[in-house]
Protein backbone atom coordinates (compact mmCIF):
# COMPACT_ATOMS: atom_id res chain seq x y z
CA MET A 1 65.97 -43.89 95.14
CA SER A 2 64.94 -40.64 93.47
CA LYS A 3 61.76 -38.88 94.46
CA TYR A 4 60.88 -38.49 90.79
CA PRO A 5 60.84 -41.19 88.12
CA GLN A 6 62.81 -39.05 85.60
CA GLY A 7 65.88 -39.05 87.83
CA THR A 8 67.61 -37.46 90.77
CA LEU A 9 67.07 -33.73 91.51
CA GLY A 10 69.41 -31.39 93.37
CA LEU A 11 68.79 -27.88 94.72
CA GLY A 12 71.64 -25.57 94.02
CA THR A 13 71.62 -22.14 95.63
CA LEU A 14 74.22 -19.47 94.93
CA SER A 15 74.83 -16.66 97.42
CA TRP A 16 77.72 -14.19 97.47
CA ARG A 17 77.01 -12.31 100.65
CA GLY A 18 73.33 -11.17 100.74
CA ALA A 19 72.48 -12.61 104.18
CA ALA A 20 69.27 -10.63 104.49
CA SER A 21 67.91 -11.78 101.18
CA LEU A 22 69.10 -15.34 101.82
CA ARG A 23 67.39 -15.38 105.19
CA THR A 24 64.01 -14.59 103.63
CA ALA A 25 64.40 -17.13 100.83
CA LEU A 26 65.55 -19.97 103.05
CA LYS A 27 62.83 -19.38 105.61
CA SER A 28 60.28 -19.77 102.87
CA TYR A 29 61.91 -23.07 101.83
CA GLY A 30 61.97 -24.39 105.38
CA ASP A 31 58.43 -23.32 106.13
CA ALA A 32 57.20 -25.25 103.13
CA ASP A 33 59.31 -28.39 103.57
CA PHE A 34 60.78 -27.53 100.18
CA PHE A 35 64.03 -29.28 100.94
CA ASP A 36 62.29 -32.60 101.16
CA LEU A 37 61.59 -32.57 97.38
CA PHE A 38 65.27 -32.92 96.57
CA ASP A 39 67.80 -35.74 96.63
CA ASP A 40 70.62 -33.39 97.47
CA ALA A 41 71.01 -29.71 98.24
CA VAL A 42 74.12 -27.57 97.89
CA ILE A 43 74.53 -23.94 98.73
CA PHE A 44 77.67 -22.37 97.29
CA LEU A 45 79.13 -19.36 99.19
CA PRO A 46 82.06 -17.82 97.42
CA ASP A 47 84.10 -15.42 99.57
CA PRO A 48 81.87 -16.28 102.52
CA ASP A 49 81.05 -13.89 105.33
CA GLU A 50 79.95 -14.85 108.80
CA ASP A 51 76.32 -13.67 108.45
CA THR A 52 75.61 -15.58 105.21
CA SER A 53 77.34 -18.73 106.53
CA ALA A 54 75.25 -18.60 109.70
CA VAL A 55 72.03 -18.35 107.74
CA ALA A 56 72.91 -21.27 105.50
CA ALA A 57 73.88 -23.43 108.48
CA GLN A 58 70.35 -23.40 109.77
CA TYR A 59 69.09 -25.40 106.81
CA PRO A 60 69.81 -28.87 105.32
CA TYR A 61 72.33 -27.84 102.81
CA ARG A 62 75.79 -29.07 102.10
CA ILE A 63 77.70 -25.76 102.40
CA GLU A 64 80.38 -25.42 99.81
CA THR A 65 82.75 -22.44 99.64
CA ASP A 66 85.65 -20.81 97.74
CA PRO A 67 87.90 -18.12 99.20
CA GLN A 68 87.32 -15.92 96.23
CA ASN A 69 84.21 -14.33 94.55
CA LEU A 70 83.95 -16.27 91.27
CA GLY A 71 80.99 -14.54 89.66
CA ILE A 72 77.64 -16.04 88.71
CA LEU A 73 78.82 -18.11 85.71
CA SER A 74 81.58 -19.87 87.66
CA GLY A 75 79.40 -20.09 90.73
CA MET A 76 76.78 -22.05 88.88
CA GLU A 77 79.52 -24.21 87.45
CA GLU A 78 80.78 -24.97 90.91
CA ILE A 79 77.31 -25.97 92.00
CA ALA A 80 76.87 -28.27 89.01
CA ASN A 81 80.27 -29.88 89.68
CA ARG A 82 79.52 -30.37 93.37
CA LEU A 83 76.06 -31.91 92.77
CA GLU A 84 75.89 -35.32 91.25
CA THR A 85 72.12 -35.35 90.55
CA GLU A 86 70.81 -35.73 87.04
CA PHE A 87 68.72 -32.48 87.27
CA ILE A 88 69.49 -29.17 89.04
CA PHE A 89 67.05 -26.64 90.33
CA PHE A 90 69.14 -23.40 90.44
CA THR A 91 68.20 -20.59 92.80
CA GLU A 92 69.89 -17.48 94.09
CA ASN A 93 69.82 -15.88 97.43
CA ASP A 94 66.88 -13.52 96.53
CA CYS A 95 64.44 -16.21 95.25
CA PRO A 96 61.83 -17.01 97.96
CA LEU A 97 59.18 -19.73 97.45
CA ILE A 98 55.61 -18.46 97.41
CA GLU A 99 53.68 -21.69 96.69
CA PRO A 100 52.93 -24.53 99.09
CA ARG A 101 54.84 -27.77 99.02
CA ALA A 102 52.13 -29.69 97.23
CA GLU A 103 52.13 -27.25 94.38
CA ALA A 104 55.93 -27.25 94.30
CA ASP A 105 55.90 -31.05 94.03
CA ARG A 106 53.32 -30.95 91.25
CA GLN A 107 55.19 -28.39 89.23
CA ILE A 108 58.57 -29.98 89.66
CA GLY A 109 57.20 -33.31 88.55
CA LYS A 110 55.77 -31.70 85.38
CA ALA A 111 58.98 -29.84 84.70
CA LEU A 112 60.96 -33.08 84.86
CA GLU A 113 58.47 -34.72 82.48
CA LEU A 114 59.06 -31.90 80.03
CA LEU A 115 62.83 -32.12 80.35
CA ASP A 116 62.61 -35.71 79.35
CA GLN A 117 61.78 -34.47 75.89
CA ASP A 118 64.96 -34.02 73.88
CA ASP A 119 64.13 -30.49 72.73
CA VAL A 120 63.28 -29.00 76.10
CA CYS A 121 66.50 -27.47 77.47
CA MET A 122 65.25 -25.62 80.55
CA VAL A 123 62.17 -25.02 82.59
CA ARG A 124 61.59 -21.63 84.16
CA MET A 125 60.24 -21.78 87.70
CA ARG A 126 59.95 -18.07 88.40
CA HIS A 127 56.35 -17.24 89.12
CA ARG A 128 54.49 -16.02 86.07
CA LYS A 129 52.05 -13.89 87.92
CA TYR A 130 53.98 -12.80 90.99
CA PHE A 131 57.38 -12.53 89.33
CA GLY A 132 58.76 -9.95 91.83
CA GLU A 133 61.42 -7.22 91.46
CA LYS A 134 63.65 -6.38 88.52
CA PHE A 135 61.52 -8.02 85.85
CA ASN A 136 61.07 -5.53 82.99
CA ILE A 137 59.92 -8.03 80.36
CA TYR A 138 56.31 -7.42 81.20
CA ASN A 139 56.36 -3.78 80.37
CA LYS A 140 58.65 -4.26 77.33
CA TYR A 141 56.20 -6.78 75.98
CA LEU A 142 53.22 -4.45 76.34
CA ARG A 143 55.09 -1.63 74.46
CA TYR A 144 55.13 -3.99 71.42
CA PHE A 145 51.90 -5.94 71.94
CA PRO A 146 49.38 -3.81 73.93
CA THR A 147 45.66 -4.61 74.28
CA PRO A 148 43.99 -2.94 72.49
CA ASP A 149 46.68 -2.58 69.82
CA THR A 150 47.93 0.90 68.91
CA GLY A 151 49.47 2.55 65.92
CA SER A 152 52.75 3.24 67.78
CA ALA A 153 53.03 -0.41 68.75
CA LYS A 154 52.46 -1.42 65.07
CA LEU A 155 55.23 0.90 64.00
CA LYS A 156 57.53 -0.57 66.63
CA ARG A 157 56.82 -4.03 65.41
CA PHE A 158 57.41 -2.99 61.76
CA PHE A 159 60.71 -1.14 62.26
CA ARG A 160 62.05 -3.45 64.96
CA ARG A 161 60.99 -6.79 63.76
CA ALA A 162 63.75 -8.77 65.32
CA LYS A 163 63.11 -7.34 68.73
CA ALA A 164 59.38 -7.84 68.43
CA LYS A 165 60.02 -11.49 67.57
CA ARG A 166 62.30 -11.95 70.60
CA LEU A 167 59.54 -10.57 72.83
CA CYS A 168 56.78 -12.98 71.59
CA GLY A 169 57.66 -15.67 73.96
CA ASN A 170 57.11 -13.44 76.96
CA ALA A 171 53.42 -13.51 76.20
CA VAL A 172 53.27 -16.32 78.77
CA TYR A 173 53.65 -13.62 81.55
CA VAL A 174 50.94 -11.31 80.14
CA GLU A 175 48.40 -13.01 77.94
CA ALA A 176 45.58 -15.27 79.13
CA ASN A 177 46.10 -17.55 76.08
CA PRO A 178 49.65 -17.12 74.94
CA ALA A 179 49.65 -20.22 72.70
CA GLU A 180 46.69 -18.74 70.80
CA LYS A 181 48.45 -15.44 70.44
CA PHE A 182 51.65 -16.87 69.10
CA PRO A 183 51.02 -20.48 68.00
CA LYS A 184 54.25 -20.52 65.86
CA TYR A 185 56.42 -20.02 68.98
CA ILE A 186 54.33 -21.19 72.01
CA THR A 187 52.69 -24.58 72.66
CA ASP A 188 50.26 -25.36 75.45
CA ALA A 189 51.92 -28.36 77.28
CA GLY A 190 49.03 -28.83 79.73
CA ASP A 191 48.81 -28.44 83.46
CA GLY A 192 49.51 -24.70 83.27
CA PHE A 193 52.77 -25.16 81.39
CA PHE A 194 53.86 -23.81 78.03
CA LEU A 195 56.72 -24.63 75.70
CA VAL A 196 58.36 -21.55 74.22
CA ASP A 197 60.80 -21.52 71.30
CA ALA A 198 64.30 -20.25 72.16
CA GLN A 199 64.03 -17.81 69.21
CA THR A 200 61.60 -15.82 71.34
CA MET A 201 62.73 -16.34 74.88
CA SER A 202 66.15 -15.85 76.53
CA TRP A 203 68.14 -17.93 78.91
CA THR A 204 67.80 -16.95 82.52
CA ASN A 205 70.06 -17.98 85.44
CA GLN A 206 67.40 -17.56 88.07
CA SER A 207 64.88 -20.15 89.33
CA ILE A 208 65.33 -22.80 86.63
CA ILE A 209 65.55 -26.53 86.32
CA VAL A 210 68.01 -28.02 83.85
CA ARG A 211 69.76 -31.29 83.11
CA ARG A 212 73.10 -31.25 84.78
CA ASP A 213 74.85 -32.79 81.78
CA PHE A 214 73.24 -30.25 79.42
CA PHE A 215 74.46 -27.40 81.62
CA LEU A 216 78.00 -28.72 81.94
CA ASN A 217 78.50 -30.13 78.54
CA THR A 218 76.50 -27.76 76.23
CA VAL A 219 75.89 -24.42 77.86
CA LEU A 220 79.17 -23.75 79.65
CA PRO A 221 81.47 -24.93 76.78
CA TYR A 222 79.80 -22.34 74.54
CA CYS A 223 79.74 -19.46 77.10
CA LYS A 224 83.17 -19.76 78.64
CA PRO A 225 85.32 -19.12 75.51
CA VAL A 226 83.12 -16.15 74.39
CA PRO A 227 85.25 -12.92 74.62
CA PHE A 228 84.25 -10.94 77.71
CA ARG A 229 82.25 -7.82 76.82
CA ARG A 230 80.25 -6.90 79.84
CA GLY A 231 78.93 -8.58 82.92
CA ALA A 232 78.34 -8.10 86.66
CA ASN A 233 81.15 -7.10 89.06
CA GLY A 234 83.64 -7.77 86.33
CA PHE A 235 82.47 -11.35 85.74
CA LYS A 236 80.87 -13.14 82.83
CA LEU A 237 77.16 -13.77 82.95
CA ILE A 238 75.62 -16.71 81.06
CA GLU A 239 72.65 -14.50 80.14
CA ILE A 240 74.93 -12.10 78.26
CA GLU A 241 77.15 -14.69 76.60
CA LEU A 242 74.28 -16.83 75.51
CA ASN A 243 71.28 -14.62 74.67
CA ASN A 244 71.01 -13.24 71.16
CA SER A 245 73.65 -15.70 69.97
CA LYS A 246 72.80 -17.88 66.98
CA PHE A 247 73.83 -20.79 69.17
CA TRP A 248 70.78 -20.09 71.26
CA THR A 249 68.23 -18.53 68.93
CA GLN A 250 68.78 -21.06 66.15
CA SER A 251 69.05 -24.12 68.48
CA GLY A 252 65.50 -25.32 68.09
CA TRP A 253 65.33 -25.76 71.88
CA LYS A 254 62.17 -25.21 73.79
CA ILE A 255 61.88 -23.51 77.18
CA GLY A 256 59.28 -24.80 79.59
CA CYS A 257 57.26 -22.11 81.57
CA GLY A 258 54.86 -23.24 84.29
CA PRO A 259 52.75 -21.20 86.68
CA GLY A 260 55.92 -20.83 88.76
CA LEU A 261 57.00 -21.26 92.36
CA LEU A 262 59.54 -18.55 93.21
CA THR A 263 59.47 -14.81 93.16
CA HIS A 264 62.36 -12.29 93.33
CA GLU A 265 62.76 -10.30 96.55
CA ARG A 266 65.96 -8.41 97.26
CA ALA A 267 67.11 -6.96 100.55
CA ASN A 268 69.65 -4.19 100.97
CA ASP A 269 72.68 -6.51 101.22
CA ARG A 270 71.45 -8.73 98.49
CA GLY A 271 74.93 -9.63 96.97
CA TYR A 272 74.01 -12.16 94.35
């Protein structure tokens, strides 16, 4: 029987190499009994090395591998195919947990409630306050929407209207009352959660909960045929294939954003 009334939930972690980052992340999961919140847990190790495999073996994962490095898009697809749960919580090797188990349980429960709504396609679980490394949205947002407002910011918004619109959703990471700032695009969903229109917030691969069937049957069939333009290590990235496409921005989908559970902390041999 599932731990949540909305359906079964699996933890899917992707790690190509990156043993040092993975060690930090998985220790945080183990210390908080995070694994107990899931009906299944899979870690996918493409082109596995001994150090990463040894770290993963210390935790209650089903370890799945492939002899080749498949890239992030295909790695996430492998996780989704090897899990059979109705929902998937995707993490990567550099996403440690920074909230206690009770708070993780609360936020996951709320996220699944939101995903039961037909228009909510994804819930972001990266921490809104302690979002960690490599998160440039905060400063980008403030260049367009500073407090107090400035003349240069007004000019940016006027001459780059499309970009300003795309940044509105990221008010959830900066503003005390983002739904009041942009009521057209952001709705207060209660319990510290907001719903953000996909017009104004991008897809992210990292620290998200999605319906497994939505990911396999809607997201991937769009992304995989898109001609390759640029990616990471020569592989496609869902973030590049999907974001800024009309398929995403005109979808009418909502993205849930809660207070967040995970941060982003890379070590030297982070891999992905």
